[in-house]
């Protein structure tokens, strides 16, 4: 009888742990972690932009997320960022972030990435007038 009670208690603990992890494997939980990470950065003004979390991939205790930051003043201005997160107890923590596509501004400060130099075909023609 004790063995059966111990087995049931173990199964309940495992089920509770799985349910907890399932609740954490949501786009909303990842977005909350990214927002929390950004609030700790003094050079980021979230009031000027909207955060849109796109695709999120979960793999055990890690997650990869694609996020877009859209300017509230210029809605056509969009910066994509790839985030790597790690599960830390009952919440996600951002481990690293990189601009998506390797181009564009950095919403975490540090200035914008330099623009590539134009090729000869892209250089504007000089007028002799």
N, C-alpha and C. Protein backbone atom coordinates (compact mmCIF):
# COMPACT_ATOMS: atom_id res chain seq x y z
N UNK A 1 0.82 -1.19 0.00
CA UNK A 1 0.00 0.00 0.00
C UNK A 1 0.86 1.25 0.00
N UNK A 2 1.96 1.24 0.77
CA UNK A 2 2.85 2.39 0.81
C UNK A 2 3.50 2.62 -0.54
N UNK A 3 3.83 1.56 -1.23
CA UNK A 3 4.45 1.68 -2.55
C UNK A 3 3.48 2.36 -3.51
N UNK A 4 2.23 1.96 -3.45
CA UNK A 4 1.21 2.55 -4.32
C UNK A 4 1.03 4.04 -4.00
N UNK A 5 1.01 4.40 -2.73
CA UNK A 5 0.87 5.80 -2.33
C UNK A 5 2.08 6.62 -2.79
N UNK A 6 3.27 6.03 -2.67
CA UNK A 6 4.49 6.72 -3.12
C UNK A 6 4.47 6.90 -4.64
N UNK A 7 4.01 5.90 -5.36
CA UNK A 7 3.93 5.97 -6.82
C UNK A 7 2.94 7.06 -7.25
N UNK A 8 1.81 7.13 -6.60
CA UNK A 8 0.81 8.14 -6.93
C UNK A 8 1.35 9.54 -6.63
N UNK A 9 2.01 9.70 -5.49
CA UNK A 9 2.59 11.00 -5.13
C UNK A 9 3.64 11.43 -6.15
N UNK A 10 4.46 10.48 -6.60
CA UNK A 10 5.49 10.79 -7.60
C UNK A 10 4.84 11.20 -8.92
N UNK A 11 3.83 10.47 -9.33
CA UNK A 11 3.14 10.81 -10.58
C UNK A 11 2.49 12.19 -10.51
N UNK A 12 1.92 12.53 -9.37
CA UNK A 12 1.32 13.85 -9.20
C UNK A 12 2.38 14.96 -9.30
N UNK A 13 3.53 14.74 -8.70
CA UNK A 13 4.62 15.73 -8.77
C UNK A 13 5.11 15.90 -10.20
N UNK A 14 5.26 14.79 -10.91
CA UNK A 14 5.72 14.85 -12.30
C UNK A 14 4.68 15.58 -13.15
N UNK A 15 3.41 15.25 -12.95
CA UNK A 15 2.34 15.90 -13.71
C UNK A 15 2.30 17.40 -13.42
N UNK A 16 2.49 17.78 -12.19
CA UNK A 16 2.51 19.21 -11.84
C UNK A 16 3.68 19.91 -12.50
N UNK A 17 4.83 19.26 -12.53
CA UNK A 17 6.00 19.84 -13.19
C UNK A 17 5.80 20.01 -14.68
N UNK A 18 5.20 19.02 -15.32
CA UNK A 18 4.93 19.10 -16.76
C UNK A 18 3.93 20.21 -17.06
N UNK A 19 2.90 20.33 -16.23
CA UNK A 19 1.90 21.37 -16.42
C UNK A 19 2.53 22.75 -16.28
N UNK A 20 3.43 22.91 -15.33
CA UNK A 20 4.12 24.18 -15.11
C UNK A 20 4.96 24.55 -16.34
N UNK A 21 5.70 23.57 -16.87
CA UNK A 21 6.53 23.83 -18.05
C UNK A 21 5.67 24.19 -19.25
N UNK A 22 4.52 23.51 -19.40
CA UNK A 22 3.62 23.81 -20.51
C UNK A 22 3.13 25.25 -20.43
N UNK A 23 2.85 25.73 -19.21
CA UNK A 23 2.39 27.10 -19.05
C UNK A 23 3.49 28.10 -19.39
N UNK A 24 4.74 27.69 -19.22
CA UNK A 24 5.86 28.58 -19.53
C UNK A 24 6.23 28.56 -21.01
N UNK A 25 5.82 27.54 -21.73
CA UNK A 25 6.16 27.44 -23.14
C UNK A 25 5.10 28.11 -23.99
N UNK A 26 4.96 29.43 -23.76
CA UNK A 26 4.01 30.23 -24.52
C UNK A 26 4.70 31.49 -25.03
N UNK A 27 4.16 32.02 -26.09
CA UNK A 27 4.68 33.28 -26.64
C UNK A 27 4.56 34.40 -25.62
N UNK A 28 3.48 34.37 -24.83
CA UNK A 28 3.26 35.42 -23.83
C UNK A 28 4.34 35.39 -22.75
N UNK A 29 4.75 34.18 -22.32
CA UNK A 29 5.80 34.06 -21.30
C UNK A 29 7.13 34.58 -21.83
N UNK A 30 7.41 34.29 -23.10
CA UNK A 30 8.65 34.77 -23.71
C UNK A 30 8.60 36.28 -23.88
N UNK A 31 7.48 36.82 -24.32
CA UNK A 31 7.35 38.27 -24.47
C UNK A 31 7.54 38.96 -23.12
N UNK A 32 6.99 38.40 -22.06
CA UNK A 32 7.16 38.99 -20.72
C UNK A 32 8.65 39.00 -20.34
N UNK A 33 9.38 37.96 -20.69
CA UNK A 33 10.81 37.91 -20.38
C UNK A 33 11.59 38.95 -21.17
N UNK A 34 11.24 39.13 -22.43
CA UNK A 34 11.92 40.14 -23.26
C UNK A 34 11.62 41.53 -22.72
N UNK A 35 10.35 41.79 -22.38
CA UNK A 35 9.99 43.10 -21.83
C UNK A 35 10.72 43.36 -20.52
N UNK A 36 10.81 42.36 -19.67
CA UNK A 36 11.52 42.50 -18.39
C UNK A 36 12.99 42.80 -18.64
N UNK A 37 13.57 42.12 -19.60
CA UNK A 37 14.98 42.34 -19.96
C UNK A 37 15.19 43.78 -20.44
N UNK A 38 14.28 44.26 -21.26
CA UNK A 38 14.42 45.62 -21.81
C UNK A 38 14.21 46.70 -20.76
N UNK A 39 13.36 46.44 -19.78
CA UNK A 39 13.13 47.42 -18.70
C UNK A 39 14.38 47.64 -17.86
N UNK A 40 15.27 46.65 -17.83
CA UNK A 40 16.51 46.76 -17.06
C UNK A 40 17.58 47.55 -17.81
N UNK A 41 17.34 47.89 -19.06
CA UNK A 41 18.31 48.60 -19.88
C UNK A 41 17.96 50.08 -19.91
N UNK A 42 18.81 50.93 -19.32
CA UNK A 42 18.48 52.35 -19.23
C UNK A 42 18.45 53.07 -20.58
N UNK A 43 19.09 52.51 -21.60
CA UNK A 43 19.15 53.19 -22.90
C UNK A 43 18.01 52.78 -23.83
N UNK A 44 17.04 52.01 -23.33
CA UNK A 44 15.91 51.57 -24.16
C UNK A 44 14.65 52.29 -23.68
N UNK A 45 13.97 52.94 -24.60
CA UNK A 45 12.72 53.65 -24.28
C UNK A 45 11.58 52.90 -24.97
N UNK A 46 10.97 51.99 -24.22
CA UNK A 46 9.90 51.17 -24.79
C UNK A 46 8.64 51.98 -25.09
N UNK A 47 8.50 53.15 -24.48
CA UNK A 47 7.32 53.97 -24.73
C UNK A 47 7.26 54.44 -26.19
N UNK A 48 8.41 54.41 -26.89
CA UNK A 48 8.46 54.88 -28.27
C UNK A 48 8.26 53.77 -29.29
N UNK A 49 8.11 52.52 -28.83
CA UNK A 49 7.99 51.42 -29.78
C UNK A 49 7.07 50.32 -29.25
N UNK A 50 6.58 49.54 -30.19
CA UNK A 50 5.76 48.38 -29.86
C UNK A 50 6.58 47.13 -30.09
N UNK A 51 6.46 46.16 -29.18
CA UNK A 51 7.14 44.88 -29.30
C UNK A 51 6.16 43.86 -29.85
N UNK A 52 6.56 43.19 -30.92
CA UNK A 52 5.75 42.14 -31.51
C UNK A 52 6.59 40.87 -31.54
N UNK A 53 6.25 39.88 -30.72
CA UNK A 53 6.98 38.61 -30.72
C UNK A 53 6.33 37.72 -31.77
N UNK A 54 7.17 37.23 -32.68
CA UNK A 54 6.69 36.36 -33.74
C UNK A 54 6.90 34.90 -33.39
N UNK A 55 7.63 34.20 -34.23
CA UNK A 55 7.86 32.77 -34.04
C UNK A 55 8.72 32.50 -32.81
N UNK A 56 8.31 31.52 -32.02
CA UNK A 56 9.06 31.08 -30.85
C UNK A 56 9.24 29.57 -30.96
N UNK A 57 10.49 29.11 -30.78
CA UNK A 57 10.79 27.67 -30.80
C UNK A 57 11.31 27.28 -29.42
N UNK A 58 10.68 26.26 -28.84
CA UNK A 58 11.08 25.77 -27.52
C UNK A 58 11.83 24.46 -27.68
N UNK A 59 12.90 24.31 -26.89
CA UNK A 59 13.68 23.07 -26.87
C UNK A 59 14.15 22.84 -25.44
N UNK A 60 13.34 22.13 -24.67
CA UNK A 60 13.68 21.86 -23.27
C UNK A 60 13.71 23.15 -22.47
N UNK A 61 14.89 23.46 -21.92
CA UNK A 61 15.04 24.66 -21.08
C UNK A 61 15.48 25.89 -21.87
N UNK A 62 15.43 25.83 -23.19
CA UNK A 62 15.83 26.98 -24.01
C UNK A 62 14.72 27.34 -24.97
N UNK A 63 14.78 28.57 -25.44
CA UNK A 63 13.82 29.06 -26.42
C UNK A 63 14.53 30.03 -27.35
N UNK A 64 14.08 30.08 -28.59
CA UNK A 64 14.55 31.03 -29.58
C UNK A 64 13.33 31.80 -30.06
N UNK A 65 13.45 33.12 -30.11
CA UNK A 65 12.30 33.95 -30.48
C UNK A 65 12.71 35.03 -31.47
N UNK A 66 11.81 35.30 -32.40
CA UNK A 66 11.97 36.41 -33.33
C UNK A 66 11.04 37.52 -32.86
N UNK A 67 11.60 38.71 -32.69
CA UNK A 67 10.81 39.84 -32.23
C UNK A 67 11.00 41.02 -33.18
N UNK A 68 9.98 41.82 -33.31
CA UNK A 68 10.04 43.04 -34.10
C UNK A 68 9.71 44.23 -33.20
N UNK A 69 10.45 45.29 -33.39
CA UNK A 69 10.20 46.54 -32.69
C UNK A 69 9.72 47.53 -33.73
N UNK A 70 8.52 48.05 -33.54
CA UNK A 70 7.93 48.99 -34.49
C UNK A 70 7.82 50.35 -33.83
N UNK A 71 8.32 51.37 -34.52
CA UNK A 71 8.26 52.73 -34.01
C UNK A 71 6.82 53.21 -33.96
N UNK A 72 6.45 53.86 -32.86
CA UNK A 72 5.11 54.43 -32.75
C UNK A 72 4.99 55.71 -33.57
N UNK A 73 6.10 56.44 -33.74
CA UNK A 73 6.08 57.67 -34.51
C UNK A 73 6.12 57.39 -36.01
N UNK A 74 6.85 56.35 -36.42
CA UNK A 74 6.98 55.98 -37.83
C UNK A 74 6.70 54.48 -37.96
N UNK A 75 5.43 54.10 -38.12
CA UNK A 75 5.07 52.68 -38.14
C UNK A 75 5.79 51.86 -39.21
N UNK A 76 6.32 52.50 -40.24
CA UNK A 76 7.05 51.78 -41.27
C UNK A 76 8.46 51.40 -40.81
N UNK A 77 8.93 52.01 -39.72
CA UNK A 77 10.25 51.71 -39.19
C UNK A 77 10.15 50.48 -38.30
N UNK A 78 10.86 49.42 -38.72
CA UNK A 78 10.77 48.14 -38.04
C UNK A 78 12.17 47.56 -37.88
N UNK A 79 12.50 47.09 -36.69
CA UNK A 79 13.78 46.46 -36.42
C UNK A 79 13.50 45.06 -35.88
N UNK A 80 14.10 44.04 -36.49
CA UNK A 80 13.94 42.67 -36.04
C UNK A 80 15.11 42.24 -35.16
N UNK A 81 14.81 41.48 -34.12
CA UNK A 81 15.84 40.99 -33.20
C UNK A 81 15.56 39.52 -32.89
N UNK A 82 16.63 38.72 -32.91
CA UNK A 82 16.55 37.30 -32.56
C UNK A 82 17.01 37.15 -31.11
N UNK A 83 16.19 36.51 -30.28
CA UNK A 83 16.50 36.32 -28.86
C UNK A 83 16.73 34.85 -28.55
N UNK A 84 17.70 34.60 -27.68
CA UNK A 84 17.91 33.27 -27.09
C UNK A 84 17.58 33.41 -25.61
N UNK A 85 16.74 32.50 -25.12
CA UNK A 85 16.30 32.55 -23.72
C UNK A 85 16.57 31.21 -23.05
N UNK A 86 16.70 31.25 -21.74
CA UNK A 86 16.89 30.05 -20.93
C UNK A 86 15.90 30.09 -19.77
N UNK A 87 15.33 28.92 -19.48
CA UNK A 87 14.40 28.80 -18.38
C UNK A 87 15.16 28.92 -17.06
N UNK A 88 14.70 29.82 -16.20
CA UNK A 88 15.33 30.04 -14.89
C UNK A 88 14.25 29.89 -13.82
N UNK A 89 14.07 28.68 -13.35
CA UNK A 89 13.02 28.43 -12.36
C UNK A 89 11.65 28.52 -12.98
N UNK A 90 10.88 29.54 -12.60
CA UNK A 90 9.51 29.68 -13.08
C UNK A 90 9.34 30.80 -14.11
N UNK A 91 10.45 31.20 -14.75
CA UNK A 91 10.37 32.25 -15.77
C UNK A 91 11.52 32.10 -16.77
N UNK A 92 11.39 32.80 -17.89
CA UNK A 92 12.43 32.82 -18.91
C UNK A 92 13.36 34.00 -18.67
N UNK A 93 14.63 33.83 -19.05
CA UNK A 93 15.60 34.92 -18.99
C UNK A 93 16.28 35.03 -20.35
N UNK A 94 16.47 36.25 -20.81
CA UNK A 94 17.17 36.48 -22.07
C UNK A 94 18.65 36.21 -21.85
N UNK A 95 19.22 35.36 -22.71
CA UNK A 95 20.66 35.08 -22.67
C UNK A 95 21.41 35.96 -23.65
N UNK A 96 20.82 36.13 -24.85
CA UNK A 96 21.49 36.96 -25.85
C UNK A 96 20.47 37.45 -26.87
N UNK A 97 20.88 38.47 -27.61
CA UNK A 97 20.05 39.00 -28.69
C UNK A 97 20.95 39.48 -29.82
N UNK A 98 20.47 39.30 -31.04
CA UNK A 98 21.19 39.77 -32.22
C UNK A 98 20.18 40.31 -33.22
N UNK A 99 20.57 41.35 -33.96
CA UNK A 99 19.65 41.86 -34.98
C UNK A 99 19.34 40.76 -36.00
N UNK A 100 18.10 40.62 -36.38
CA UNK A 100 17.72 39.64 -37.40
C UNK A 100 18.25 40.07 -38.75
N UNK A 101 18.78 39.14 -39.47
CA UNK A 101 19.31 39.44 -40.80
C UNK A 101 20.64 40.15 -40.75
N UNK A 102 21.14 40.45 -39.58
CA UNK A 102 22.45 41.08 -39.45
C UNK A 102 22.48 42.55 -39.85
N UNK A 103 21.32 43.15 -40.09
CA UNK A 103 21.27 44.55 -40.53
C UNK A 103 20.31 45.30 -39.63
N UNK A 104 20.38 46.61 -39.71
CA UNK A 104 19.42 47.43 -39.00
C UNK A 104 19.95 47.96 -37.70
N UNK A 105 19.13 48.76 -37.06
CA UNK A 105 19.51 49.38 -35.80
C UNK A 105 19.43 48.39 -34.66
N UNK A 106 20.04 48.74 -33.58
CA UNK A 106 20.03 47.91 -32.40
C UNK A 106 19.09 48.54 -31.38
N UNK A 107 17.95 47.89 -31.06
CA UNK A 107 17.02 48.49 -30.12
C UNK A 107 17.55 48.51 -28.70
N UNK A 108 18.71 47.92 -28.47
CA UNK A 108 19.31 47.88 -27.14
C UNK A 108 20.38 48.95 -26.99
N UNK A 109 20.46 49.86 -27.92
CA UNK A 109 21.45 50.92 -27.84
C UNK A 109 22.71 50.57 -28.61
N UNK A 110 23.69 51.45 -28.56
CA UNK A 110 24.94 51.20 -29.24
C UNK A 110 24.96 51.71 -30.66
N UNK A 111 23.92 52.36 -31.09
CA UNK A 111 23.90 52.93 -32.43
C UNK A 111 23.46 51.92 -33.47
N UNK A 112 23.22 52.42 -34.63
CA UNK A 112 22.77 51.58 -35.73
C UNK A 112 23.97 50.93 -36.41
N UNK A 113 23.72 49.82 -37.05
CA UNK A 113 24.76 49.16 -37.81
C UNK A 113 25.10 50.04 -39.00
N UNK A 114 26.38 50.09 -39.40
CA UNK A 114 26.73 50.92 -40.53
C UNK A 114 26.11 50.39 -41.81
N UNK A 115 25.72 51.31 -42.67
CA UNK A 115 25.15 50.92 -43.95
C UNK A 115 26.26 50.45 -44.87
N UNK A 116 26.00 49.43 -45.70
CA UNK A 116 27.04 48.98 -46.61
C UNK A 116 27.31 50.05 -47.67
N UNK A 117 28.54 50.09 -48.12
CA UNK A 117 28.90 51.06 -49.16
C UNK A 117 28.20 50.68 -50.45
N UNK A 118 27.69 51.65 -51.21
CA UNK A 118 26.99 51.33 -52.46
C UNK A 118 27.98 50.81 -53.50
N UNK A 119 27.52 49.90 -54.34
CA UNK A 119 28.34 49.41 -55.44
C UNK A 119 28.32 50.46 -56.54
N UNK A 120 29.16 50.28 -57.55
CA UNK A 120 29.22 51.23 -58.66
C UNK A 120 27.86 51.37 -59.34
N UNK A 121 27.13 50.26 -59.44
CA UNK A 121 25.81 50.29 -60.09
C UNK A 121 24.79 51.04 -59.25
N UNK A 122 24.99 51.10 -57.93
CA UNK A 122 24.03 51.76 -57.06
C UNK A 122 24.37 53.22 -56.79
N UNK A 123 25.58 53.64 -57.13
CA UNK A 123 26.01 55.01 -56.85
C UNK A 123 25.19 55.99 -57.67
N UNK A 124 24.77 57.07 -57.03
CA UNK A 124 24.00 58.07 -57.78
C UNK A 124 24.86 58.73 -58.83
N UNK A 125 24.24 59.04 -59.96
CA UNK A 125 24.96 59.72 -61.04
C UNK A 125 25.11 61.19 -60.69
N UNK A 126 26.29 61.72 -60.95
CA UNK A 126 26.52 63.15 -60.70
C UNK A 126 26.10 63.93 -61.93
N UNK A 127 25.42 64.99 -61.68
CA UNK A 127 24.99 65.84 -62.77
C UNK A 127 26.06 66.86 -63.10
N UNK A 128 26.26 67.12 -64.38
CA UNK A 128 27.24 68.12 -64.78
C UNK A 128 26.59 69.49 -64.90
N UNK A 129 25.34 69.60 -64.52
CA UNK A 129 24.62 70.87 -64.62
C UNK A 129 24.75 71.65 -63.39
